[in-house]
Amino acid sequence: MPTEQQTPAPLPPAPRTHPVEALFSRGRLVAIPRKEARREQLLVHLADTLFERERSYTEREVNEALLTVHEDCSALRRYLVVAGLLVRPRDGSSYRRGR
């Protein structure tokens, strides 16, 4: 009596991950992502690439760094602060890398 060969069930598709570089064109951020998870991925990338951990920055320095990638530096700065990736004292006199 012939035996049926069972084929293994197909694996579920792997979660799609999009590299953060896909958000950029010629070194410039095309748009700030609306989806929170994707925006978080971008913010972590910006914090890691634009700001040193043990350094203090003025607001002007933060803006200048962010302007190298996108014209809406105030939105990016605000997102970075809300995410805890940049921290500042109440008076807003300086910024430092957070988490």
C-alpha atoms as a PDB file:
ATOM      1  CA  MET A   1       0.000   0.000   0.000  1.00  0.00           C
ATOM      2  CA  PRO A   2       1.578   3.287  -1.043  1.00  0.00           C
ATOM      3  CA  THR A   3       2.043   5.911   1.638  1.00  0.00           C
ATOM      4  CA  GLU A   4       1.212   9.514   1.020  1.00  0.00           C
ATOM      5  CA  GLN A   5       4.045  11.893   1.422  1.00  0.00           C
ATOM      6  CA  GLN A   6       3.065  14.888   3.470  1.00  0.00           C
ATOM      7  CA  THR A   7       4.442  18.201   2.472  1.00  0.00           C
ATOM      8  CA  PRO A   8       5.220  20.537   5.330  1.00  0.00           C
ATOM      9  CA  ALA A   9       2.822  23.415   5.820  1.00  0.00           C
ATOM     10  CA  PRO A  10       4.144  26.633   4.348  1.00  0.00           C
ATOM     11  CA  LEU A  11       5.728  29.020   6.803  1.00  0.00           C
ATOM     12  CA  PRO A  12       3.850  32.207   7.532  1.00  0.00           C
ATOM     13  CA  PRO A  13       5.333  35.195   5.770  1.00  0.00           C
ATOM     14  CA  ALA A  14       8.102  36.886   7.688  1.00  0.00           C
ATOM     15  CA  PRO A  15       7.206  40.299   9.046  1.00  0.00           C
ATOM     16  CA  ARG A  16       8.181  42.942   6.539  1.00  0.00           C
ATOM     17  CA  THR A  17      10.841  45.236   7.799  1.00  0.00           C
ATOM     18  CA  HIS A  18      11.721  48.272   5.839  1.00  0.00           C
ATOM     19  CA  PRO A  19      15.151  49.753   6.297  1.00  0.00           C
ATOM     20  CA  VAL A  20      15.149  53.306   7.556  1.00  0.00           C
ATOM     21  CA  GLU A  21      17.236  54.284   4.543  1.00  0.00           C
ATOM     22  CA  ALA A  22      14.104  53.836   2.414  1.00  0.00           C
ATOM     23  CA  LEU A  23      12.776  57.052   4.001  1.00  0.00           C
ATOM     24  CA  PHE A  24      15.617  59.057   2.477  1.00  0.00           C
ATOM     25  CA  SER A  25      16.434  60.250  -1.009  1.00  0.00           C
ATOM     26  CA  ARG A  26      19.885  61.691  -1.686  1.00  0.00           C
ATOM     27  CA  GLY A  27      20.518  61.976   2.051  1.00  0.00           C
ATOM     28  CA  ARG A  28      17.318  63.927   2.719  1.00  0.00           C
ATOM     29  CA  LEU A  29      14.285  62.666   4.592  1.00  0.00           C
ATOM     30  CA  VAL A  30      11.423  62.496   2.093  1.00  0.00           C
ATOM     31  CA  ALA A  31       8.649  62.741   4.724  1.00  0.00           C
ATOM     32  CA  ILE A  32       8.202  62.246   8.442  1.00  0.00           C
ATOM     33  CA  PRO A  33       6.330  58.945   8.824  1.00  0.00           C
ATOM     34  CA  ARG A  34       2.797  59.119  10.208  1.00  0.00           C
ATOM     35  CA  LYS A  35       2.794  55.585  11.577  1.00  0.00           C
ATOM     36  CA  GLU A  36       4.154  55.652  15.089  1.00  0.00           C
ATOM     37  CA  ALA A  37       6.333  52.535  14.808  1.00  0.00           C
ATOM     38  CA  ARG A  38       7.946  53.727  11.600  1.00  0.00           C
ATOM     39  CA  ARG A  39       8.477  57.227  13.031  1.00  0.00           C
ATOM     40  CA  GLU A  40      10.100  55.683  16.124  1.00  0.00           C
ATOM     41  CA  GLN A  41      12.465  53.757  13.857  1.00  0.00           C
ATOM     42  CA  LEU A  42      13.395  57.009  12.112  1.00  0.00           C
ATOM     43  CA  LEU A  43      13.872  58.913  15.383  1.00  0.00           C
ATOM     44  CA  VAL A  44      16.198  56.256  16.792  1.00  0.00           C
ATOM     45  CA  HIS A  45      18.206  56.420  13.566  1.00  0.00           C
ATOM     46  CA  LEU A  46      18.426  60.228  13.736  1.00  0.00           C
ATOM     47  CA  ALA A  47      19.441  60.206  17.399  1.00  0.00           C
ATOM     48  CA  ASP A  48      22.122  57.582  16.736  1.00  0.00           C
ATOM     49  CA  THR A  49      23.562  59.295  13.676  1.00  0.00           C
ATOM     50  CA  LEU A  50      23.259  62.996  14.523  1.00  0.00           C
ATOM     51  CA  PHE A  51      23.847  63.254  18.284  1.00  0.00           C
ATOM     52  CA  GLU A  52      26.661  62.031  20.513  1.00  0.00           C
ATOM     53  CA  ARG A  53      25.709  60.483  23.843  1.00  0.00           C
ATOM     54  CA  GLU A  54      27.935  62.443  26.211  1.00  0.00           C
ATOM     55  CA  ARG A  55      27.545  65.845  24.630  1.00  0.00           C
ATOM     56  CA  SER A  56      25.272  68.768  25.400  1.00  0.00           C
ATOM     57  CA  TYR A  57      23.708  70.670  22.477  1.00  0.00           C
ATOM     58  CA  THR A  58      22.116  74.092  22.196  1.00  0.00           C
ATOM     59  CA  GLU A  59      18.751  74.333  20.468  1.00  0.00           C
ATOM     60  CA  ARG A  60      20.491  75.964  17.538  1.00  0.00           C
ATOM     61  CA  GLU A  61      22.918  73.003  17.208  1.00  0.00           C
ATOM     62  CA  VAL A  62      20.027  70.538  17.355  1.00  0.00           C
ATOM     63  CA  ASN A  63      18.170  72.488  14.665  1.00  0.00           C
ATOM     64  CA  GLU A  64      21.252  72.684  12.448  1.00  0.00           C
ATOM     65  CA  ALA A  65      21.808  68.933  12.730  1.00  0.00           C
ATOM     66  CA  LEU A  66      18.169  68.175  11.924  1.00  0.00           C
ATOM     67  CA  LEU A  67      18.128  70.631   9.013  1.00  0.00           C
ATOM     68  CA  THR A  68      20.764  68.472   7.313  1.00  0.00           C
ATOM     69  CA  VAL A  69      18.044  65.850   6.772  1.00  0.00           C
ATOM     70  CA  HIS A  70      14.693  67.720   6.722  1.00  0.00           C
ATOM     71  CA  GLU A  71      13.371  71.283   6.654  1.00  0.00           C
ATOM     72  CA  ASP A  72      10.905  70.776   9.538  1.00  0.00           C
ATOM     73  CA  CYS A  73      13.524  70.654  12.268  1.00  0.00           C
ATOM     74  CA  SER A  74      11.099  71.824  14.970  1.00  0.00           C
ATOM     75  CA  ALA A  75       8.765  68.862  14.388  1.00  0.00           C
ATOM     76  CA  LEU A  76      11.671  66.413  14.428  1.00  0.00           C
ATOM     77  CA  ARG A  77      13.102  68.027  17.571  1.00  0.00           C
ATOM     78  CA  ARG A  78       9.719  67.805  19.304  1.00  0.00           C
ATOM     79  CA  TYR A  79       9.291  64.145  18.296  1.00  0.00           C
ATOM     80  CA  LEU A  80      12.790  63.344  19.600  1.00  0.00           C
ATOM     81  CA  VAL A  81      12.025  64.991  22.951  1.00  0.00           C
ATOM     82  CA  VAL A  82       8.615  63.305  23.309  1.00  0.00           C
ATOM     83  CA  ALA A  83      10.210  59.934  22.505  1.00  0.00           C
ATOM     84  CA  GLY A  84      12.858  60.521  25.185  1.00  0.00           C
ATOM     85  CA  LEU A  85      15.677  60.336  22.653  1.00  0.00           C
ATOM     86  CA  LEU A  86      16.653  63.926  23.427  1.00  0.00           C
ATOM     87  CA  VAL A  87      16.151  65.380  26.895  1.00  0.00           C
ATOM     88  CA  ARG A  88      16.227  68.989  27.989  1.00  0.00           C
ATOM     89  CA  PRO A  89      15.850  70.876  31.250  1.00  0.00           C
ATOM     90  CA  ARG A  90      12.654  72.847  31.899  1.00  0.00           C
ATOM     91  CA  ASP A  91      14.261  76.062  30.694  1.00  0.00           C
ATOM     92  CA  GLY A  92      15.136  74.457  27.340  1.00  0.00           C
ATOM     93  CA  SER A  93      18.702  75.723  27.605  1.00  0.00           C
ATOM     94  CA  SER A  94      20.336  72.544  26.318  1.00  0.00           C
ATOM     95  CA  TYR A  95      19.667  69.095  24.879  1.00  0.00           C
ATOM     96  CA  ARG A  96      21.338  65.759  25.544  1.00  0.00           C
ATOM     97  CA  ARG A  97      20.864  62.242  24.223  1.00  0.00           C
ATOM     98  CA  GLY A  98      18.320  60.327  26.235  1.00  0.00           C
ATOM     99  CA  ARG A  99      17.663  56.625  26.035  1.00  0.00           C
END
